[in-house]
């Protein structure tokens, strides 16, 4: 998520996906010999590309080039599905050209009011859930067809957040009814899941209709109950930045990471531009697993989902 400061702050973010994995997911933990050989074949530009993500289009682009149009421009175009498909293909080819195989896009938030948090940077396709669903599905299908995994975000939706409700900075609570969330905010995720989206990123906002005490990415009710249970999502889950201000009440990076893993998050996004952050997360998860705070079967299932994703990427 970006506010004015976030647009600058995130130019170098998304460097680590704990446990120990960097975007792209070929850069994972202890690499097997064949992966080392693959890295040796990359050009310097492709190696540099291993440390970037977030190629949504419009204002949120870490690399020059496609997609140039913002999500809002795509949604307002004469043929939104075609425009989204073109953007997905172009984004995928652009990222693949520098050795990237995962994109933290598209945004599937349905904005409630013009100029609100998600609309002010034109990151939402539309205020209509059906348009967001159509564009998101088209973008995901096209991008993944050229070998770059897509990430639908920010589940279950940030479209109701006001201009000042930025989870990067502070705790945010979104008072949307359960029926409202399911009819509007979650609707694009049904289309994304049907399209085979590889990753889903959870929001750091609190949704009292689902869980009054935990942000979505720390909530078993949201991740296990809503996303995996009700929507039957089988793929990889990924948090938003673990250093977000919205998590201030939940301790340091380690405790936050353990809560996220307990909630059902597979990948933890460490983007503070400091390797010590990722090390703290890995240490906390290791200790929690050894001490029985994390269910080993569930933990292994998360590793298997990430491994399956990694093995399917170029």
Protein backbone atom coordinates (compact mmCIF):
# COMPACT_ATOMS: atom_id res chain seq x y z
CA UNK A 1 0.00 0.00 0.00
CA UNK A 2 1.31 3.43 -0.85
CA UNK A 3 0.66 6.90 0.52
CA UNK A 4 2.78 9.82 -0.68
CA UNK A 5 5.69 8.74 1.49
CA UNK A 6 5.08 5.08 0.67
CA UNK A 7 5.58 5.65 -3.03
CA UNK A 8 9.18 6.60 -2.25
CA UNK A 9 9.65 4.18 0.62
CA UNK A 10 8.69 1.16 -1.43
CA UNK A 11 10.99 1.78 -4.35
CA UNK A 12 13.47 -0.53 -2.66
CA UNK A 13 11.06 -2.66 -0.65
CA UNK A 14 9.88 -6.21 -1.06
CA UNK A 15 13.46 -7.48 -0.83
CA UNK A 16 12.82 -10.45 1.40
CA UNK A 17 10.10 -13.06 1.54
CA UNK A 18 10.63 -15.00 4.76
CA UNK A 19 11.35 -17.79 5.40
CA UNK A 20 14.53 -16.77 3.60
CA UNK A 21 13.06 -16.34 0.14
CA UNK A 22 13.63 -13.35 -2.10
CA UNK A 23 11.39 -12.28 -4.92
CA UNK A 24 11.48 -13.96 -7.37
CA UNK A 25 10.85 -17.28 -5.71
CA UNK A 26 13.80 -18.88 -7.50
CA UNK A 27 15.83 -17.06 -4.87
CA UNK A 28 14.81 -19.35 -2.06
CA UNK A 29 16.71 -20.41 1.06
CA UNK A 30 19.46 -22.95 0.29
CA UNK A 31 19.43 -23.24 -3.46
CA UNK A 32 19.96 -26.65 -5.08
CA UNK A 33 22.84 -26.92 -7.59
CA UNK A 34 20.54 -26.51 -10.58
CA UNK A 35 19.20 -23.25 -9.15
CA UNK A 36 22.77 -22.01 -8.59
CA UNK A 37 23.53 -22.86 -12.22
CA UNK A 38 20.45 -20.93 -13.31
CA UNK A 39 21.61 -17.87 -11.37
CA UNK A 40 25.03 -18.07 -13.01
CA UNK A 41 23.34 -17.71 -16.38
CA UNK A 42 21.57 -14.45 -15.51
CA UNK A 43 22.80 -11.14 -16.83
CA UNK A 44 23.72 -8.36 -14.35
CA UNK A 45 20.41 -6.66 -15.17
CA UNK A 46 18.50 -9.86 -14.47
CA UNK A 47 20.39 -10.33 -11.20
CA UNK A 48 19.47 -6.78 -10.19
CA UNK A 49 15.88 -7.61 -11.02
CA UNK A 50 15.89 -10.27 -8.30
CA UNK A 51 15.50 -7.48 -5.72
CA UNK A 52 12.38 -5.61 -6.99
CA UNK A 53 8.60 -6.19 -7.33
CA UNK A 54 5.21 -4.29 -7.53
CA UNK A 55 4.61 -3.59 -11.22
CA UNK A 56 0.93 -2.65 -10.95
CA UNK A 57 0.97 0.15 -13.50
CA UNK A 58 0.31 3.85 -13.21
CA UNK A 59 2.05 5.35 -10.17
CA UNK A 60 3.12 1.99 -8.73
CA UNK A 61 5.89 0.78 -11.01
CA UNK A 62 9.37 -0.20 -9.86
CA UNK A 63 10.70 -0.62 -13.40
CA UNK A 64 10.25 1.61 -16.45
CA UNK A 65 7.95 0.38 -19.15
CA UNK A 66 4.71 -1.59 -19.07
CA UNK A 67 2.11 -1.40 -17.79
CA UNK A 68 1.84 2.37 -18.19
CA UNK A 69 -1.90 2.72 -17.59
CA UNK A 70 -3.14 2.76 -14.01
CA UNK A 71 -5.75 0.27 -12.87
CA UNK A 72 -8.36 3.04 -12.82
CA UNK A 73 -7.57 3.99 -16.41
CA UNK A 74 -7.94 0.36 -17.41
CA UNK A 75 -11.27 0.01 -15.63
CA UNK A 76 -12.61 3.18 -17.24
CA UNK A 77 -11.50 2.24 -20.75
CA UNK A 78 -13.86 1.25 -23.54
CA UNK A 79 -12.97 -2.43 -23.16
CA UNK A 80 -11.68 -3.00 -19.60
CA UNK A 81 -11.15 -6.75 -20.01
CA UNK A 82 -9.03 -6.30 -23.12
CA UNK A 83 -7.05 -3.45 -21.58
CA UNK A 84 -6.41 -5.48 -18.43
CA UNK A 85 -5.30 -8.47 -20.48
CA UNK A 86 -2.89 -6.31 -22.46
CA UNK A 87 -1.52 -4.84 -19.24
CA UNK A 88 -1.04 -8.28 -17.72
CA UNK A 89 0.82 -9.56 -20.75
CA UNK A 90 2.99 -6.45 -20.93
CA UNK A 91 3.76 -6.48 -17.21
CA UNK A 92 4.69 -10.15 -17.36
CA UNK A 93 7.00 -9.70 -20.32
CA UNK A 94 8.62 -6.63 -18.78
CA UNK A 95 9.30 -8.41 -15.48
CA UNK A 96 10.40 -11.65 -17.11
CA UNK A 97 12.87 -9.62 -19.14
CA UNK A 98 14.79 -8.74 -15.98
CA UNK A 99 14.52 -12.19 -14.43
CA UNK A 100 11.40 -11.66 -12.33
CA UNK A 101 8.78 -14.37 -11.95
CA UNK A 102 6.36 -12.95 -9.35
CA UNK A 103 4.42 -9.69 -9.37
CA UNK A 104 2.58 -8.31 -6.33
CA UNK A 105 -0.36 -7.34 -8.53
CA UNK A 106 -3.19 -6.93 -9.35
CA UNK A 107 -4.99 -4.87 -6.72
CA UNK A 108 -8.54 -6.19 -6.36
CA UNK A 109 -9.81 -3.55 -3.94
CA UNK A 110 -13.18 -2.08 -4.93
CA UNK A 111 -13.08 1.58 -3.99
CA UNK A 112 -16.12 2.89 -2.12
CA UNK A 113 -15.61 6.65 -2.61
CA UNK A 114 -13.69 8.68 -5.17
CA UNK A 115 -10.37 9.90 -3.83
CA UNK A 116 -10.27 7.51 -0.86
CA UNK A 117 -7.17 5.58 0.20
CA UNK A 118 -7.09 3.07 -2.63
CA UNK A 119 -8.51 5.39 -5.31
CA UNK A 120 -6.26 8.38 -4.69
CA UNK A 121 -3.36 6.64 -6.42
CA UNK A 122 -5.68 5.11 -9.06
CA UNK A 123 -4.82 1.57 -7.92
CA UNK A 124 -8.39 0.25 -8.08
CA UNK A 125 -9.99 -0.74 -11.37
CA UNK A 126 -13.42 0.49 -10.36
CA UNK A 127 -16.04 1.18 -7.71
CA UNK A 128 -18.02 -1.66 -9.30
CA UNK A 129 -17.12 -5.14 -8.03
CA UNK A 130 -18.02 -6.72 -11.36
CA UNK A 131 -15.56 -4.50 -13.25
CA UNK A 132 -12.79 -5.21 -10.73
CA UNK A 133 -13.47 -8.93 -11.03
CA UNK A 134 -13.40 -8.83 -14.84
CA UNK A 135 -10.19 -6.78 -14.98
CA UNK A 136 -8.47 -8.74 -12.26
CA UNK A 137 -9.24 -12.07 -13.90
CA UNK A 138 -8.01 -10.81 -17.27
CA UNK A 139 -4.78 -9.37 -15.84
CA UNK A 140 -4.04 -12.52 -13.83
CA UNK A 141 -4.70 -14.88 -16.74
CA UNK A 142 -2.58 -12.87 -19.17
CA UNK A 143 0.35 -12.30 -16.82
CA UNK A 144 0.52 -15.91 -15.66
CA UNK A 145 0.32 -17.10 -19.25
CA UNK A 146 3.73 -15.49 -19.89
CA UNK A 147 5.24 -17.13 -16.79
CA UNK A 148 4.95 -14.47 -14.08
CA UNK A 149 2.83 -15.38 -11.06
CA UNK A 150 0.16 -12.88 -10.00
CA UNK A 151 -0.81 -11.77 -6.50
CA UNK A 152 -4.38 -10.70 -5.75
CA UNK A 153 -4.49 -8.10 -2.96
CA UNK A 154 -5.44 -6.92 -0.32
CA UNK A 155 -7.82 -9.61 0.98
CA UNK A 156 -10.60 -9.22 2.00
CA UNK A 157 -10.44 -5.67 0.60
CA UNK A 158 -9.24 -2.13 1.36
CA UNK A 159 -11.78 -0.38 -0.84
CA UNK A 160 -13.67 1.14 2.09
CA UNK A 161 -10.58 2.73 3.69
CA UNK A 162 -10.65 6.53 3.89
CA UNK A 163 -7.75 8.70 2.74
CA UNK A 164 -6.12 8.65 6.18
CA UNK A 165 -6.58 4.92 6.79
CA UNK A 166 -3.15 3.69 5.74
CA UNK A 167 -2.08 0.45 7.40
CA UNK A 168 1.56 1.18 6.59
CA UNK A 169 1.35 3.96 9.17
CA UNK A 170 -1.30 3.11 11.78
CA UNK A 171 -3.95 0.58 12.84
CA UNK A 172 -7.02 0.62 10.63
CA UNK A 173 -10.46 -0.81 11.36
CA UNK A 174 -12.97 -1.12 8.53
CA UNK A 175 -16.58 -1.43 9.67
CA UNK A 176 -18.09 -3.22 6.70
CA UNK A 177 -20.79 -5.81 7.36
CA UNK A 178 -20.10 -9.44 6.63
CA UNK A 179 -22.68 -9.42 3.86
CA UNK A 180 -21.11 -6.27 2.41
CA UNK A 181 -17.63 -7.77 2.44
CA UNK A 182 -18.83 -10.91 0.71
CA UNK A 183 -21.01 -9.19 -1.86
CA UNK A 184 -18.56 -6.43 -2.80
CA UNK A 185 -15.02 -6.65 -1.44
CA UNK A 186 -14.53 -10.38 -1.82
CA UNK A 187 -16.34 -10.72 -5.14
CA UNK A 188 -13.22 -10.15 -7.29
CA UNK A 189 -11.40 -12.89 -5.38
CA UNK A 190 -13.88 -15.49 -6.53
CA UNK A 191 -12.98 -14.64 -10.12
CA UNK A 192 -9.26 -14.53 -9.31
CA UNK A 193 -9.34 -17.93 -7.64
CA UNK A 194 -11.28 -19.39 -10.56
CA UNK A 195 -8.57 -17.96 -12.84
CA UNK A 196 -5.90 -19.81 -10.85
CA UNK A 197 -4.18 -16.86 -9.19
CA UNK A 198 -0.94 -18.10 -7.62
CA UNK A 199 -0.78 -15.83 -4.57
CA UNK A 200 -3.19 -13.84 -2.40
CA UNK A 201 -1.94 -11.02 -0.16
CA UNK A 202 -3.87 -10.29 3.02
CA UNK A 203 -4.69 -6.83 4.32
CA UNK A 204 -3.43 -5.52 7.66
CA UNK A 205 -6.78 -3.85 8.42
CA UNK A 206 -9.13 -5.19 11.10
CA UNK A 207 -12.59 -6.30 9.92
CA UNK A 208 -14.87 -6.64 12.99
CA UNK A 209 -17.47 -8.50 10.96
CA UNK A 210 -14.94 -11.32 10.60
CA UNK A 211 -12.54 -10.83 13.55
CA UNK A 212 -12.75 -7.88 15.92
CA UNK A 213 -9.29 -8.33 17.41
CA UNK A 214 -6.81 -9.20 14.68
CA UNK A 215 -5.78 -7.68 11.36
CA UNK A 216 -6.73 -9.94 8.46
CA UNK A 217 -3.21 -11.29 7.97
CA UNK A 218 -3.03 -12.33 11.64
CA UNK A 219 -6.52 -13.81 11.76
CA UNK A 220 -7.27 -17.52 11.40
CA UNK A 221 -10.92 -16.57 10.94
CA UNK A 222 -10.06 -14.50 7.87
CA UNK A 223 -7.33 -16.66 6.33
CA UNK A 224 -8.42 -20.17 7.28
CA UNK A 225 -12.14 -19.54 7.60
CA UNK A 226 -12.92 -16.97 4.94
CA UNK A 227 -10.20 -17.32 2.29
CA UNK A 228 -9.38 -21.02 2.43
CA UNK A 229 -12.65 -22.28 3.86
CA UNK A 230 -15.45 -20.27 2.31
CA UNK A 231 -13.69 -19.25 -0.94
CA UNK A 232 -11.70 -22.51 -1.17
CA UNK A 233 -8.43 -20.85 -2.13
CA UNK A 234 -5.69 -23.53 -2.45
CA UNK A 235 -2.67 -21.39 -3.33
CA UNK A 236 0.04 -19.43 -1.54
CA UNK A 237 -0.84 -16.68 0.94
CA UNK A 238 1.51 -13.75 1.50
CA UNK A 239 1.44 -10.96 4.05
CA UNK A 240 1.81 -7.29 3.38
CA UNK A 241 4.94 -5.68 4.89
CA UNK A 242 5.58 -7.15 8.35
CA UNK A 243 6.90 -3.78 9.60
CA UNK A 244 3.57 -2.01 8.96
CA UNK A 245 2.43 0.47 11.59
CA UNK A 246 -0.91 -1.33 11.79
CA UNK A 247 0.85 -4.13 13.70
CA UNK A 248 2.35 -1.96 16.44
CA UNK A 249 0.25 -3.62 19.14
CA UNK A 250 1.46 -7.11 18.22
CA UNK A 251 5.11 -6.91 19.29
CA UNK A 252 8.28 -7.00 17.23
CA UNK A 253 8.89 -8.68 13.90
CA UNK A 254 9.29 -12.13 15.45
CA UNK A 255 5.98 -12.23 17.37
CA UNK A 256 4.17 -10.78 14.37
CA UNK A 257 5.62 -13.47 12.14
CA UNK A 258 4.53 -16.25 14.49
CA UNK A 259 0.99 -14.86 14.67
CA UNK A 260 0.87 -14.62 10.87
CA UNK A 261 2.05 -18.21 10.48
CA UNK A 262 -0.49 -19.37 13.06
CA UNK A 263 -3.20 -17.57 11.08
CA UNK A 264 -2.26 -19.46 7.93
CA UNK A 265 0.10 -17.14 6.09
CA UNK A 266 2.65 -18.99 3.93
CA UNK A 267 5.04 -16.17 3.00
CA UNK A 268 6.00 -13.24 5.22
CA UNK A 269 6.97 -10.02 3.48
CA UNK A 270 10.00 -8.43 5.14
CA UNK A 271 10.68 -5.15 3.39
CA UNK A 272 12.51 -2.92 5.86
CA UNK A 273 15.70 -2.92 3.74
CA UNK A 274 17.53 -4.58 6.63
CA UNK A 275 18.56 -8.26 6.59
CA UNK A 276 18.27 -8.31 10.38
CA UNK A 277 14.51 -8.12 9.98
CA UNK A 278 14.38 -11.33 7.95
CA UNK A 279 16.77 -13.00 10.36
CA UNK A 280 14.53 -12.08 13.30
CA UNK A 281 11.53 -13.56 11.52
CA UNK A 282 13.34 -16.78 10.62
CA UNK A 283 14.62 -17.17 14.20
CA UNK A 284 11.16 -16.62 15.65
CA UNK A 285 9.54 -19.13 13.32
CA UNK A 286 12.26 -21.70 13.99
CA UNK A 287 11.85 -21.35 17.75
CA UNK A 288 8.05 -21.39 17.56
CA UNK A 289 8.12 -24.55 15.49
CA UNK A 290 10.52 -26.25 17.88
CA UNK A 291 8.50 -25.24 20.93
CA UNK A 292 5.19 -26.38 19.51
CA UNK A 293 3.68 -22.92 19.02
CA UNK A 294 3.27 -23.70 15.34
CA UNK A 295 1.53 -26.81 14.12
CA UNK A 296 4.11 -28.82 12.20
CA UNK A 297 1.59 -30.32 9.81
CA UNK A 298 0.24 -26.89 8.90
CA UNK A 299 3.77 -25.50 8.65
CA UNK A 300 4.82 -28.30 6.33
CA UNK A 301 1.74 -27.69 4.19
CA UNK A 302 2.75 -24.04 3.85
CA UNK A 303 6.25 -25.04 2.80
CA UNK A 304 4.81 -27.48 0.27
CA UNK A 305 2.60 -24.77 -1.25
CA UNK A 306 5.57 -22.40 -1.59
CA UNK A 307 7.76 -25.18 -3.00
CA UNK A 308 5.08 -26.10 -5.55
CA UNK A 309 4.81 -22.47 -6.60
CA UNK A 310 8.58 -22.12 -6.85
CA UNK A 311 8.90 -25.30 -8.90
CA UNK A 312 6.30 -24.04 -11.34
CA UNK A 313 8.08 -20.74 -11.99
CA UNK A 314 10.70 -20.02 -14.60
